[in-house]
Every structure is written in C-alpha cells, then in structure tokens.
Amino acid sequence: MPDNDNWQRTWDTRHAMLERVLGKTDGNVLHAGIPFNLGGQADVLLFSNHIPGQVAATCNLLGEPSQKQNKLGTFELVIAQRSNHDWGPMSISHVARYTCESRIEPGHTMDLGNNFPKG
C-alpha cells in the first residue's frame, strides 16, 4: 500500500485533472466502503456546474497499475445525469473494478440493464 503522502499527491493530481475538464467539484466525495486499492469500488466526485444536472467521475483510476490500459492509457469513468440520482455514481463506482479485469476502449458501450431508475 502506498504511503499516505504519495496517496494524497496522487489523489490531488487526479482531482485537479478532473476539475480541469469538468469544473469545480461540489466538494462532495462519495467514498467506497472498501478502498479501491484493497479490491473495493472507486471513490466518486460530483460536479453540478458542468451541465444541467449532475456529472459523477471516479477518482481512483488515472495511473492505477491494476487497470487494463486501453489505447489511450489509464482513464477515469464519467457519467452525466439530468438529475441527482445516486444510481449513476454507484454504477461507475462498481464498473471501475471491472476496468481491472477487462480492457475498455473508447466507444465501447455497456448494457446497464435494470440499473436505470424508473422513468
């Protein structure tokens, strides 16, 4: 496990890169019950000023050695929603672990089945 200073620098770098693209976060971090580096799900940042609605982005994957790199390298997952349902952040938090098992290329899609909220 990386030391706390290295973990904080990595987190701060990922956070800054996401804010460069999506604007300032809401200040909220949805922490996974089991940390990603211990086999759990990803932490998620929320952004409400990028689009009408909410954007959620994982913040554990850029530079993560266990992630299967695609043709662009490592990446974070992002989902945009018209409202503030928790299904979006929860979905990408869980899918993040899948990126360590299978290579996901730009343009790939995934059927989320019954994970969408009603309506």
PDB file of N, CA and C in Angstrom:
ATOM      1  N   MET A   1       0.848  -1.184   0.000  1.00  0.00           N
ATOM      2  CA  MET A   1       0.000   0.000   0.000  1.00  0.00           C
ATOM      3  C   MET A   1       0.888   1.239   0.000  1.00  0.00           C
ATOM      4  N   PRO A   2       0.559   2.247  -0.845  1.00  0.00           N
ATOM      5  CA  PRO A   2       1.400   3.436  -0.896  1.00  0.00           C
ATOM      6  C   PRO A   2       1.328   4.216   0.417  1.00  0.00           C
ATOM      7  N   ASP A   3       2.407   4.962   0.701  1.00  0.00           N
ATOM      8  CA  ASP A   3       2.380   5.772   1.914  1.00  0.00           C
ATOM      9  C   ASP A   3       1.363   6.894   1.755  1.00  0.00           C
ATOM     10  N   ASN A   4       0.957   7.493   2.874  1.00  0.00           N
ATOM     11  CA  ASN A   4      -0.109   8.485   2.875  1.00  0.00           C
ATOM     12  C   ASN A   4       0.238   9.712   2.035  1.00  0.00           C
ATOM     13  N   ASP A   5       1.505  10.191   2.075  1.00  0.00           N
ATOM     14  CA  ASP A   5       1.896  11.362   1.288  1.00  0.00           C
ATOM     15  C   ASP A   5       1.777  11.081  -0.209  1.00  0.00           C
ATOM     16  N   ASN A   6       2.209   9.902  -0.642  1.00  0.00           N
ATOM     17  CA  ASN A   6       2.111   9.535  -2.050  1.00  0.00           C
ATOM     18  C   ASN A   6       0.651   9.397  -2.468  1.00  0.00           C
ATOM     19  N   TRP A   7      -0.162   8.776  -1.614  1.00  0.00           N
ATOM     20  CA  TRP A   7      -1.590   8.630  -1.907  1.00  0.00           C
ATOM     21  C   TRP A   7      -2.224  10.013  -2.068  1.00  0.00           C
ATOM     22  N   GLN A   8      -1.921  10.936  -1.164  1.00  0.00           N
ATOM     23  CA  GLN A   8      -2.513  12.280  -1.222  1.00  0.00           C
ATOM     24  C   GLN A   8      -2.084  13.023  -2.484  1.00  0.00           C
ATOM     25  N   ARG A   9      -0.810  12.922  -2.853  1.00  0.00           N
ATOM     26  CA  ARG A   9      -0.343  13.573  -4.087  1.00  0.00           C
ATOM     27  C   ARG A   9      -1.061  12.996  -5.310  1.00  0.00           C
ATOM     28  N   THR A  10      -1.214  11.676  -5.337  1.00  0.00           N
ATOM     29  CA  THR A  10      -1.903  11.025  -6.453  1.00  0.00           C
ATOM     30  C   THR A  10      -3.360  11.473  -6.513  1.00  0.00           C
ATOM     31  N   TRP A  11      -4.041  11.473  -5.366  1.00  0.00           N
ATOM     32  CA  TRP A  11      -5.440  11.914  -5.294  1.00  0.00           C
ATOM     33  C   TRP A  11      -5.566  13.363  -5.768  1.00  0.00           C
ATOM     34  N   ASP A  12      -4.709  14.240  -5.261  1.00  0.00           N
ATOM     35  CA  ASP A  12      -4.758  15.661  -5.625  1.00  0.00           C
ATOM     36  C   ASP A  12      -4.539  15.859  -7.120  1.00  0.00           C
ATOM     37  N   THR A  13      -3.632  15.086  -7.715  1.00  0.00           N
ATOM     38  CA  THR A  13      -3.370  15.188  -9.155  1.00  0.00           C
ATOM     39  C   THR A  13      -4.585  14.736  -9.952  1.00  0.00           C
ATOM     40  N   ARG A  14      -5.171  13.610  -9.585  1.00  0.00           N
ATOM     41  CA  ARG A  14      -6.372  13.128 -10.278  1.00  0.00           C
ATOM     42  C   ARG A  14      -7.499  14.141 -10.156  1.00  0.00           C
ATOM     43  N   HIS A  15      -7.703  14.637  -8.946  1.00  0.00           N
ATOM     44  CA  HIS A  15      -8.751  15.617  -8.652  1.00  0.00           C
ATOM     45  C   HIS A  15      -8.563  16.858  -9.532  1.00  0.00           C
ATOM     46  N   ALA A  16      -7.344  17.377  -9.603  1.00  0.00           N
ATOM     47  CA  ALA A  16      -7.056  18.569 -10.402  1.00  0.00           C
ATOM     48  C   ALA A  16      -7.305  18.325 -11.885  1.00  0.00           C
ATOM     49  N   MET A  17      -6.920  17.153 -12.378  1.00  0.00           N
ATOM     50  CA  MET A  17      -7.136  16.834 -13.791  1.00  0.00           C
ATOM     51  C   MET A  17      -8.637  16.784 -14.117  1.00  0.00           C
ATOM     52  N   LEU A  18      -9.421  16.193 -13.238  1.00  0.00           N
ATOM     53  CA  LEU A  18     -10.865  16.135 -13.465  1.00  0.00           C
ATOM     54  C   LEU A  18     -11.484  17.524 -13.421  1.00  0.00           C
ATOM     55  N   GLU A  19     -11.048  18.368 -12.473  1.00  0.00           N
ATOM     56  CA  GLU A  19     -11.582  19.728 -12.393  1.00  0.00           C
ATOM     57  C   GLU A  19     -11.189  20.557 -13.619  1.00  0.00           C
ATOM     58  N   ARG A  20     -10.052  20.264 -14.209  1.00  0.00           N
ATOM     59  CA  ARG A  20      -9.644  20.981 -15.414  1.00  0.00           C
ATOM     60  C   ARG A  20     -10.649  20.733 -16.544  1.00  0.00           C
ATOM     61  N   VAL A  21     -11.229  19.547 -16.576  1.00  0.00           N
ATOM     62  CA  VAL A  21     -12.173  19.188 -17.637  1.00  0.00           C
ATOM     63  C   VAL A  21     -13.619  19.506 -17.246  1.00  0.00           C
ATOM     64  N   LEU A  22     -13.992  19.225 -15.998  1.00  0.00           N
ATOM     65  CA  LEU A  22     -15.395  19.290 -15.583  1.00  0.00           C
ATOM     66  C   LEU A  22     -15.745  20.493 -14.721  1.00  0.00           C
ATOM     67  N   GLY A  23     -14.771  21.331 -14.391  1.00  0.00           N
ATOM     68  CA  GLY A  23     -15.022  22.463 -13.496  1.00  0.00           C
ATOM     69  C   GLY A  23     -14.893  22.027 -12.039  1.00  0.00           C
ATOM     70  N   LYS A  24     -15.159  22.938 -11.142  1.00  0.00           N
ATOM     71  CA  LYS A  24     -15.028  22.655  -9.709  1.00  0.00           C
ATOM     72  C   LYS A  24     -16.011  21.571  -9.270  1.00  0.00           C
ATOM     73  N   THR A  25     -15.550  20.732  -8.356  1.00  0.00           N
ATOM     74  CA  THR A  25     -16.446  19.726  -7.777  1.00  0.00           C
ATOM     75  C   THR A  25     -17.426  20.410  -6.829  1.00  0.00           C
ATOM     76  N   ASP A  26     -18.425  19.658  -6.428  1.00  0.00           N
ATOM     77  CA  ASP A  26     -19.368  20.134  -5.425  1.00  0.00           C
ATOM     78  C   ASP A  26     -18.738  20.139  -4.031  1.00  0.00           C
ATOM     79  N   GLY A  27     -17.551  19.551  -3.923  1.00  0.00           N
ATOM     80  CA  GLY A  27     -16.926  19.411  -2.612  1.00  0.00           C
ATOM     81  C   GLY A  27     -17.290  18.089  -1.951  1.00  0.00           C
ATOM     82  N   ASN A  28     -18.115  17.297  -2.629  1.00  0.00           N
ATOM     83  CA  ASN A  28     -18.526  16.005  -2.087  1.00  0.00           C
ATOM     84  C   ASN A  28     -17.698  14.881  -2.692  1.00  0.00           C
ATOM     85  N   VAL A  29     -17.277  13.952  -1.855  1.00  0.00           N
ATOM     86  CA  VAL A  29     -16.618  12.739  -2.309  1.00  0.00           C
ATOM     87  C   VAL A  29     -17.440  11.570  -1.787  1.00  0.00           C
ATOM     88  N   LEU A  30     -17.883  10.716  -2.695  1.00  0.00           N
ATOM     89  CA  LEU A  30     -18.590   9.502  -2.296  1.00  0.00           C
ATOM     90  C   LEU A  30     -17.535   8.418  -2.144  1.00  0.00           C
ATOM     91  N   HIS A  31     -17.188   8.120  -0.894  1.00  0.00           N
ATOM     92  CA  HIS A  31     -16.130   7.156  -0.625  1.00  0.00           C
ATOM     93  C   HIS A  31     -16.677   5.739  -0.643  1.00  0.00           C
ATOM     94  N   ALA A  32     -15.922   4.840  -1.257  1.00  0.00           N
ATOM     95  CA  ALA A  32     -16.276   3.418  -1.260  1.00  0.00           C
ATOM     96  C   ALA A  32     -16.056   2.848   0.134  1.00  0.00           C
ATOM     97  N   GLY A  33     -16.869   1.895   0.512  1.00  0.00           N
ATOM     98  CA  GLY A  33     -16.727   1.256   1.823  1.00  0.00           C
ATOM     99  C   GLY A  33     -15.382   0.554   1.966  1.00  0.00           C
ATOM    100  N   ILE A  34     -14.959  -0.112   0.909  1.00  0.00           N
ATOM    101  CA  ILE A  34     -13.636  -0.749   0.861  1.00  0.00           C
ATOM    102  C   ILE A  34     -12.834   0.012  -0.183  1.00  0.00           C
ATOM    103  N   PRO A  35     -11.667   0.546   0.172  1.00  0.00           N
ATOM    104  CA  PRO A  35     -10.873   1.320  -0.780  1.00  0.00           C
ATOM    105  C   PRO A  35     -10.543   0.530  -2.040  1.00  0.00           C
ATOM    106  N   PHE A  36     -10.438   1.258  -3.154  1.00  0.00           N
ATOM    107  CA  PHE A  36     -10.174   0.653  -4.443  1.00  0.00           C
ATOM    108  C   PHE A  36      -8.889  -0.166  -4.430  1.00  0.00           C
ATOM    109  N   ASN A  37      -7.825   0.364  -3.811  1.00  0.00           N
ATOM    110  CA  ASN A  37      -6.542  -0.344  -3.807  1.00  0.00           C
ATOM    111  C   ASN A  37      -6.583  -1.616  -2.962  1.00  0.00           C
ATOM    112  N   LEU A  38      -7.664  -1.829  -2.216  1.00  0.00           N
ATOM    113  CA  LEU A  38      -7.830  -3.058  -1.444  1.00  0.00           C
ATOM    114  C   LEU A  38      -8.880  -3.979  -2.064  1.00  0.00           C
ATOM    115  N   GLY A  39      -9.244  -3.696  -3.317  1.00  0.00           N
ATOM    116  CA  GLY A  39     -10.194  -4.549  -4.019  1.00  0.00           C
ATOM    117  C   GLY A  39     -11.623  -4.054  -4.001  1.00  0.00           C
ATOM    118  N   GLY A  40     -11.870  -2.867  -3.450  1.00  0.00           N
ATOM    119  CA  GLY A  40     -13.219  -2.325  -3.380  1.00  0.00           C
ATOM    120  C   GLY A  40     -13.591  -1.531  -4.619  1.00  0.00           C
ATOM    121  N   GLN A  41     -14.634  -0.721  -4.471  1.00  0.00           N
ATOM    122  CA  GLN A  41     -15.105   0.114  -5.560  1.00  0.00           C
ATOM    123  C   GLN A  41     -14.353   1.452  -5.549  1.00  0.00           C
ATOM    124  N   ALA A  42     -14.602   2.277  -6.555  1.00  0.00           N
ATOM    125  CA  ALA A  42     -13.922   3.569  -6.693  1.00  0.00           C
ATOM    126  C   ALA A  42     -14.649   4.663  -5.916  1.00  0.00           C
ATOM    127  N   ASP A  43     -13.888   5.638  -5.449  1.00  0.00           N
ATOM    128  CA  ASP A  43     -14.449   6.872  -4.909  1.00  0.00           C
ATOM    129  C   ASP A  43     -14.960   7.688  -6.093  1.00  0.00           C
ATOM    130  N   VAL A  44     -15.983   8.514  -5.849  1.00  0.00           N
ATOM    131  CA  VAL A  44     -16.600   9.293  -6.923  1.00  0.00           C
ATOM    132  C   VAL A  44     -16.718  10.750  -6.498  1.00  0.00           C
ATOM    133  N   LEU A  45     -16.358  11.654  -7.422  1.00  0.00           N
ATOM    134  CA  LEU A  45     -16.532  13.091  -7.228  1.00  0.00           C
ATOM    135  C   LEU A  45     -17.777  13.537  -7.973  1.00  0.00           C
ATOM    136  N   LEU A  46     -18.472  14.537  -7.431  1.00  0.00           N
ATOM    137  CA  LEU A  46     -19.683  15.061  -8.062  1.00  0.00           C
ATOM    138  C   LEU A  46     -19.448  16.478  -8.568  1.00  0.00           C
ATOM    139  N   PHE A  47     -19.992  16.764  -9.750  1.00  0.00           N
ATOM    140  CA  PHE A  47     -19.869  18.068 -10.395  1.00  0.00           C
ATOM    141  C   PHE A  47     -21.268  18.508 -10.820  1.00  0.00           C
ATOM    142  N   SER A  48     -21.736  19.661 -10.335  1.00  0.00           N
ATOM    143  CA  SER A  48     -23.076  20.112 -10.717  1.00  0.00           C
ATOM    144  C   SER A  48     -23.048  21.364 -11.589  1.00  0.00           C
ATOM    145  N   ASN A  49     -21.872  21.870 -11.926  1.00  0.00           N
ATOM    146  CA  ASN A  49     -21.785  23.089 -12.729  1.00  0.00           C
ATOM    147  C   ASN A  49     -21.314  22.841 -14.162  1.00  0.00           C
ATOM    148  N   HIS A  50     -21.136  21.593 -14.548  1.00  0.00           N
ATOM    149  CA  HIS A  50     -20.642  21.288 -15.890  1.00  0.00           C
ATOM    150  C   HIS A  50     -21.781  21.265 -16.912  1.00  0.00           C
ATOM    151  N   ILE A  51     -22.891  20.678 -16.521  1.00  0.00           N
ATOM    152  CA  ILE A  51     -24.091  20.577 -17.369  1.00  0.00           C
ATOM    153  C   ILE A  51     -25.302  20.773 -16.472  1.00  0.00           C
ATOM    154  N   PRO A  52     -26.485  21.038 -17.043  1.00  0.00           N
ATOM    155  CA  PRO A  52     -27.686  20.995 -16.207  1.00  0.00           C
ATOM    156  C   PRO A  52     -27.860  19.565 -15.688  1.00  0.00           C
ATOM    157  N   GLY A  53     -27.915  19.392 -14.425  1.00  0.00           N
ATOM    158  CA  GLY A  53     -27.976  18.066 -13.815  1.00  0.00           C
ATOM    159  C   GLY A  53     -26.710  17.807 -13.028  1.00  0.00           C
ATOM    160  N   GLN A  54     -26.186  16.621 -13.148  1.00  0.00           N
ATOM    161  CA  GLN A  54     -25.015  16.218 -12.364  1.00  0.00           C
ATOM    162  C   GLN A  54     -24.081  15.347 -13.193  1.00  0.00           C
ATOM    163  N   VAL A  55     -22.791  15.565 -13.006  1.00  0.00           N
ATOM    164  CA  VAL A  55     -21.774  14.693 -13.575  1.00  0.00           C
ATOM    165  C   VAL A  55     -21.059  14.033 -12.409  1.00  0.00           C
ATOM    166  N   ALA A  56     -20.836  12.743 -12.514  1.00  0.00           N
ATOM    167  CA  ALA A  56     -20.088  11.998 -11.497  1.00  0.00           C
ATOM    168  C   ALA A  56     -18.877  11.378 -12.180  1.00  0.00           C
ATOM    169  N   ALA A  57     -17.731  11.420 -11.504  1.00  0.00           N
ATOM    170  CA  ALA A  57     -16.499  10.868 -12.069  1.00  0.00           C
ATOM    171  C   ALA A  57     -15.750  10.089 -10.996  1.00  0.00           C
ATOM    172  N   THR A  58     -15.250   8.919 -11.381  1.00  0.00           N
ATOM    173  CA  THR A  58     -14.381   8.179 -10.467  1.00  0.00           C
ATOM    174  C   THR A  58     -13.093   8.972 -10.276  1.00  0.00           C
ATOM    175  N   CYS A  59     -12.399   8.697  -9.176  1.00  0.00           N
ATOM    176  CA  CYS A  59     -11.149   9.416  -8.907  1.00  0.00           C
ATOM    177  C   CYS A  59     -10.100   8.463  -8.333  1.00  0.00           C
ATOM    178  N   ASN A  60     -10.019   7.264  -8.914  1.00  0.00           N
ATOM    179  CA  ASN A  60      -9.045   6.269  -8.455  1.00  0.00           C
ATOM    180  C   ASN A  60      -8.265   5.609  -9.581  1.00  0.00           C
ATOM    181  N   LEU A  61      -8.549   5.931 -10.825  1.00  0.00           N
ATOM    182  CA  LEU A  61      -8.063   5.104 -11.918  1.00  0.00           C
ATOM    183  C   LEU A  61      -6.883   5.666 -12.712  1.00  0.00           C
ATOM    184  N   LEU A  62      -6.776   6.969 -12.880  1.00  0.00           N
ATOM    185  CA  LEU A  62      -5.674   7.528 -13.661  1.00  0.00           C
ATOM    186  C   LEU A  62      -4.347   7.102 -13.048  1.00  0.00           C
ATOM    187  N   GLY A  63      -3.557   6.401 -13.842  1.00  0.00           N
ATOM    188  CA  GLY A  63      -2.265   5.916 -13.351  1.00  0.00           C
ATOM    189  C   GLY A  63      -2.337   4.671 -12.493  1.00  0.00           C
ATOM    190  N   GLU A  64      -3.513   4.099 -12.326  1.00  0.00           N
ATOM    191  CA  GLU A  64      -3.685   2.899 -11.495  1.00  0.00           C
ATOM    192  C   GLU A  64      -3.069   1.694 -12.204  1.00  0.00           C
ATOM    193  N   PRO A  65      -2.035   1.071 -11.609  1.00  0.00           N
ATOM    194  CA  PRO A  65      -1.356  -0.030 -12.292  1.00  0.00           C
ATOM    195  C   PRO A  65      -2.230  -1.260 -12.531  1.00  0.00           C
ATOM    196  N   SER A  66      -3.255  -1.475 -11.721  1.00  0.00           N
ATOM    197  CA  SER A  66      -4.081  -2.672 -11.904  1.00  0.00           C
ATOM    198  C   SER A  66      -5.128  -2.507 -13.002  1.00  0.00           C
ATOM    199  N   GLN A  67      -5.354  -1.278 -13.471  1.00  0.00           N
ATOM    200  CA  GLN A  67      -6.332  -1.064 -14.536  1.00  0.00           C
ATOM    201  C   GLN A  67      -5.762  -1.549 -15.875  1.00  0.00           C
ATOM    202  N   LYS A  68      -6.592  -2.231 -16.660  1.00  0.00           N
ATOM    203  CA  LYS A  68      -6.197  -2.662 -18.007  1.00  0.00           C
ATOM    204  C   LYS A  68      -6.198  -1.417 -18.902  1.00  0.00           C
ATOM    205  N   GLN A  69      -5.023  -0.998 -19.323  1.00  0.00           N
ATOM    206  CA  GLN A  69      -4.930   0.191 -20.158  1.00  0.00           C
ATOM    207  C   GLN A  69      -5.577  -0.044 -21.518  1.00  0.00           C
ATOM    208  N   ASN A  70      -6.256   0.997 -22.011  1.00  0.00           N
ATOM    209  CA  ASN A  70      -6.762   0.927 -23.373  1.00  0.00           C
ATOM    210  C   ASN A  70      -5.773   1.649 -24.285  1.00  0.00           C
ATOM    211  N   LYS A  71      -6.138   1.918 -25.521  1.00  0.00           N
ATOM    212  CA  LYS A  71      -5.189   2.524 -26.456  1.00  0.00           C
ATOM    213  C   LYS A  71      -4.773   3.933 -26.044  1.00  0.00           C
ATOM    214  N   LEU A  72      -5.496   4.555 -25.126  1.00  0.00           N
ATOM    215  CA  LEU A  72      -5.154   5.890 -24.635  1.00  0.00           C
ATOM    216  C   LEU A  72      -4.441   5.850 -23.282  1.00  0.00           C
ATOM    217  N   GLY A  73      -4.360   4.692 -22.661  1.00  0.00           N
ATOM    218  CA  GLY A  73      -3.731   4.565 -21.337  1.00  0.00           C
ATOM    219  C   GLY A  73      -4.769   4.305 -20.258  1.00  0.00           C
ATOM    220  N   THR A  74      -4.515   4.796 -19.059  1.00  0.00           N
ATOM    221  CA  THR A  74      -5.490   4.653 -17.977  1.00  0.00           C
ATOM    222  C   THR A  74      -6.487   5.796 -18.062  1.00  0.00           C
ATOM    223  N   PHE A  75      -7.625   5.643 -17.405  1.00  0.00           N
ATOM    224  CA  PHE A  75      -8.714   6.602 -17.552  1.00  0.00           C
ATOM    225  C   PHE A  75      -9.634   6.541 -16.348  1.00  0.00           C
ATOM    226  N   GLU A  76     -10.408   7.597 -16.152  1.00  0.00           N
ATOM    227  CA  GLU A  76     -11.479   7.617 -15.167  1.00  0.00           C
ATOM    228  C   GLU A  76     -12.801   7.381 -15.892  1.00  0.00           C
ATOM    229  N   LEU A  77     -13.816   7.002 -15.158  1.00  0.00           N
ATOM    230  CA  LEU A  77     -15.159   6.821 -15.698  1.00  0.00           C
ATOM    231  C   LEU A  77     -16.011   8.024 -15.306  1.00  0.00           C
ATOM    232  N   VAL A  78     -16.849   8.473 -16.235  1.00  0.00           N
ATOM    233  CA  VAL A  78     -17.702   9.637 -16.010  1.00  0.00           C
ATOM    234  C   VAL A  78     -19.100   9.298 -16.484  1.00  0.00           C
ATOM    235  N   ILE A  79     -20.101   9.769 -15.734  1.00  0.00           N
ATOM    236  CA  ILE A  79     -21.489   9.602 -16.161  1.00  0.00           C
ATOM    237  C   ILE A  79     -22.215  10.919 -15.923  1.00  0.00           C
ATOM    238  N   ALA A  80     -23.044  11.315 -16.886  1.00  0.00           N
ATOM    239  CA  ALA A  80     -23.827  12.544 -16.790  1.00  0.00           C
ATOM    240  C   ALA A  80     -25.296  12.173 -16.621  1.00  0.00           C
ATOM    241  N   GLN A  81     -25.976  12.902 -15.749  1.00  0.00           N
ATOM    242  CA  GLN A  81     -27.384  12.642 -15.460  1.00  0.00           C
ATOM    243  C   GLN A  81     -28.149  13.956 -15.463  1.00  0.00           C
ATOM    244  N   ARG A  82     -29.413  13.892 -15.778  1.00  0.00           N
ATOM    245  CA  ARG A  82     -30.249  15.100 -15.746  1.00  0.00           C
ATOM    246  C   ARG A  82     -30.663  15.485 -14.335  1.00  0.00           C
ATOM    247  N   SER A  83     -30.564  14.551 -13.402  1.00  0.00           N
ATOM    248  CA  SER A  83     -30.931  14.834 -12.007  1.00  0.00           C
ATOM    249  C   SER A  83     -29.909  14.174 -11.089  1.00  0.00           C
ATOM    250  N   ASN A  84     -30.095  14.308  -9.809  1.00  0.00           N
ATOM    251  CA  ASN A  84     -29.102  13.851  -8.834  1.00  0.00           C
ATOM    252  C   ASN A  84     -29.418  12.482  -8.235  1.00  0.00           C
ATOM    253  N   HIS A  85     -29.753  11.519  -9.061  1.00  0.00           N
ATOM    254  CA  HIS A  85     -29.948  10.145  -8.586  1.00  0.00           C
ATOM    255  C   HIS A  85     -28.612   9.556  -8.170  1.00  0.00           C
ATOM    256  N   ASP A  86     -28.634   8.658  -7.205  1.00  0.00           N
ATOM    257  CA  ASP A  86     -27.389   8.008  -6.788  1.00  0.00           C
ATOM    258  C   ASP A  86     -27.019   6.821  -7.679  1.00  0.00           C
ATOM    259  N   TRP A  87     -27.901   6.423  -8.612  1.00  0.00           N
ATOM    260  CA  TRP A  87     -27.600   5.257  -9.445  1.00  0.00           C
ATOM    261  C   TRP A  87     -26.389   5.490 -10.339  1.00  0.00           C
ATOM    262  N   GLY A  88     -26.185   6.706 -10.822  1.00  0.00           N
ATOM    263  CA  GLY A  88     -25.052   6.999 -11.706  1.00  0.00           C
ATOM    264  C   GLY A  88     -23.718   6.856 -10.993  1.00  0.00           C
ATOM    265  N   PRO A  89     -23.529   7.589  -9.888  1.00  0.00           N
ATOM    266  CA  PRO A  89     -22.274   7.426  -9.145  1.00  0.00           C
ATOM    267  C   PRO A  89     -22.045   5.990  -8.663  1.00  0.00           C
ATOM    268  N   MET A  90     -23.108   5.330  -8.216  1.00  0.00           N
ATOM    269  CA  MET A  90     -22.961   3.942  -7.755  1.00  0.00           C
ATOM    270  C   MET A  90     -22.557   3.026  -8.904  1.00  0.00           C
ATOM    271  N   SER A  91     -23.139   3.237 -10.077  1.00  0.00           N
ATOM    272  CA  SER A  91     -22.834   2.387 -11.233  1.00  0.00           C
ATOM    273  C   SER A  91     -21.377   2.496 -11.649  1.00  0.00           C
ATOM    274  N   ILE A  92     -20.863   3.731 -11.795  1.00  0.00           N
ATOM    275  CA  ILE A  92     -19.475   3.862 -12.231  1.00  0.00           C
ATOM    276  C   ILE A  92     -18.496   3.443 -11.148  1.00  0.00           C
ATOM    277  N   SER A  93     -18.901   3.578  -9.887  1.00  0.00           N
ATOM    278  CA  SER A  93     -18.044   3.109  -8.794  1.00  0.00           C
ATOM    279  C   SER A  93     -17.828   1.605  -8.899  1.00  0.00           C
ATOM    280  N   HIS A  94     -18.885   0.875  -9.234  1.00  0.00           N
ATOM    281  CA  HIS A  94     -18.793  -0.581  -9.375  1.00  0.00           C
ATOM    282  C   HIS A  94     -18.114  -0.989 -10.681  1.00  0.00           C
ATOM    283  N   VAL A  95     -18.400  -0.276 -11.771  1.00  0.00           N
ATOM    284  CA  VAL A  95     -17.790  -0.596 -13.063  1.00  0.00           C
ATOM    285  C   VAL A  95     -16.279  -0.368 -13.015  1.00  0.00           C
ATOM    286  N   ALA A  96     -15.832   0.535 -12.155  1.00  0.00           N
ATOM    287  CA  ALA A  96     -14.393   0.821 -12.044  1.00  0.00           C
ATOM    288  C   ALA A  96     -13.587  -0.448 -11.776  1.00  0.00           C
ATOM    289  N   ARG A  97     -14.078  -1.315 -10.931  1.00  0.00           N
ATOM    290  CA  ARG A  97     -13.371  -2.567 -10.629  1.00  0.00           C
ATOM    291  C   ARG A  97     -13.269  -3.421 -11.902  1.00  0.00           C
ATOM    292  N   TYR A  98     -14.293  -3.387 -12.743  1.00  0.00           N
ATOM    293  CA  TYR A  98     -14.304  -4.142 -13.997  1.00  0.00           C
ATOM    294  C   TYR A  98     -13.164  -3.716 -14.914  1.00  0.00           C
ATOM    295  N   THR A  99     -12.741  -2.447 -14.843  1.00  0.00           N
ATOM    296  CA  THR A  99     -11.655  -1.966 -15.708  1.00  0.00           C
ATOM    297  C   THR A  99     -10.314  -2.606 -15.350  1.00  0.00           C
ATOM    298  N   CYS A 100     -10.243  -3.281 -14.233  1.00  0.00           N
ATOM    299  CA  CYS A 100      -9.026  -4.015 -13.854  1.00  0.00           C
ATOM    300  C   CYS A 100      -9.063  -5.451 -14.378  1.00  0.00           C
ATOM    301  N   GLU A 101     -10.225  -5.871 -14.836  1.00  0.00           N
ATOM    302  CA  GLU A 101     -10.397  -7.227 -15.332  1.00  0.00           C
ATOM    303  C   GLU A 101     -10.480  -7.289 -16.858  1.00  0.00           C
ATOM    304  N   SER A 102     -11.035  -6.235 -17.474  1.00  0.00           N
ATOM    305  CA  SER A 102     -11.243  -6.212 -18.919  1.00  0.00           C
ATOM    306  C   SER A 102     -10.843  -4.859 -19.489  1.00  0.00           C
ATOM    307  N   ARG A 103     -10.338  -4.873 -20.688  1.00  0.00           N
ATOM    308  CA  ARG A 103      -9.939  -3.644 -21.374  1.00  0.00           C
ATOM    309  C   ARG A 103     -11.185  -2.983 -21.954  1.00  0.00           C
ATOM    310  N   ILE A 104     -11.380  -1.716 -21.626  1.00  0.00           N
ATOM    311  CA  ILE A 104     -12.495  -0.934 -22.160  1.00  0.00           C
ATOM    312  C   ILE A 104     -11.903   0.145 -23.058  1.00  0.00           C
ATOM    313  N   GLU A 105     -12.256   0.104 -24.338  1.00  0.00           N
ATOM    314  CA  GLU A 105     -11.744   1.073 -25.303  1.00  0.00           C
ATOM    315  C   GLU A 105     -12.743   2.215 -25.491  1.00  0.00           C
ATOM    316  N   PRO A 106     -12.255   3.389 -25.920  1.00  0.00           N
ATOM    317  CA  PRO A 106     -13.183   4.485 -26.242  1.00  0.00           C
ATOM    318  C   PRO A 106     -14.226   4.006 -27.247  1.00  0.00           C
ATOM    319  N   GLY A 107     -15.474   4.380 -27.023  1.00  0.00           N
ATOM    320  CA  GLY A 107     -16.564   3.966 -27.909  1.00  0.00           C
ATOM    321  C   GLY A 107     -17.248   2.690 -27.480  1.00  0.00           C
ATOM    322  N   HIS A 108     -16.649   1.920 -26.577  1.00  0.00           N
ATOM    323  CA  HIS A 108     -17.324   0.724 -26.081  1.00  0.00           C
ATOM    324  C   HIS A 108     -18.555   1.146 -25.279  1.00  0.00           C
ATOM    325  N   THR A 109     -19.562   0.315 -25.324  1.00  0.00           N
ATOM    326  CA  THR A 109     -20.772   0.564 -24.550  1.00  0.00           C
ATOM    327  C   THR A 109     -21.003  -0.610 -23.612  1.00  0.00           C
ATOM    328  N   MET A 110     -21.863  -0.394 -22.635  1.00  0.00           N
ATOM    329  CA  MET A 110     -22.175  -1.437 -21.668  1.00  0.00           C
ATOM    330  C   MET A 110     -23.657  -1.361 -21.344  1.00  0.00           C
ATOM    331  N   ASP A 111     -24.337  -2.467 -21.419  1.00  0.00           N
ATOM    332  CA  ASP A 111     -25.748  -2.519 -21.071  1.00  0.00           C
ATOM    333  C   ASP A 111     -25.873  -2.489 -19.555  1.00  0.00           C
ATOM    334  N   LEU A 112     -26.512  -1.451 -19.041  1.00  0.00           N
ATOM    335  CA  LEU A 112     -26.697  -1.344 -17.593  1.00  0.00           C
ATOM    336  C   LEU A 112     -28.000  -1.995 -17.139  1.00  0.00           C
ATOM    337  N   GLY A 113     -28.738  -2.584 -18.077  1.00  0.00           N
ATOM    338  CA  GLY A 113     -29.905  -3.375 -17.751  1.00  0.00           C
ATOM    339  C   GLY A 113     -30.892  -2.663 -16.854  1.00  0.00           C
ATOM    340  N   ASN A 114     -31.219  -3.285 -15.748  1.00  0.00           N
ATOM    341  CA  ASN A 114     -32.224  -2.759 -14.823  1.00  0.00           C
ATOM    342  C   ASN A 114     -31.645  -1.759 -13.813  1.00  0.00           C
ATOM    343  N   ASN A 115     -30.407  -1.322 -14.031  1.00  0.00           N
ATOM    344  CA  ASN A 115     -29.800  -0.376 -13.100  1.00  0.00           C
ATOM    345  C   ASN A 115     -30.321   1.044 -13.257  1.00  0.00           C
ATOM    346  N   PHE A 116     -30.999   1.338 -14.357  1.00  0.00           N
ATOM    347  CA  PHE A 116     -31.553   2.684 -14.554  1.00  0.00           C
ATOM    348  C   PHE A 116     -32.755   2.879 -13.637  1.00  0.00           C
ATOM    349  N   PRO A 117     -32.911   4.092 -13.095  1.00  0.00           N
ATOM    350  CA  PRO A 117     -34.099   4.354 -12.269  1.00  0.00           C
ATOM    351  C   PRO A 117     -35.345   4.395 -13.154  1.00  0.00           C
ATOM    352  N   LYS A 118     -36.498   4.166 -12.559  1.00  0.00           N
ATOM    353  CA  LYS A 118     -37.768   4.204 -13.295  1.00  0.00           C
ATOM    354  C   LYS A 118     -37.996   5.614 -13.835  1.00  0.00           C
ATOM    355  N   GLY A 119     -38.566   5.684 -15.052  1.00  0.00           N
ATOM    356  CA  GLY A 119     -38.915   6.984 -15.645  1.00  0.00           C
ATOM    357  C   GLY A 119     -37.762   7.639 -16.322  1.00  0.00           C
TER     358      GLY A 119
END
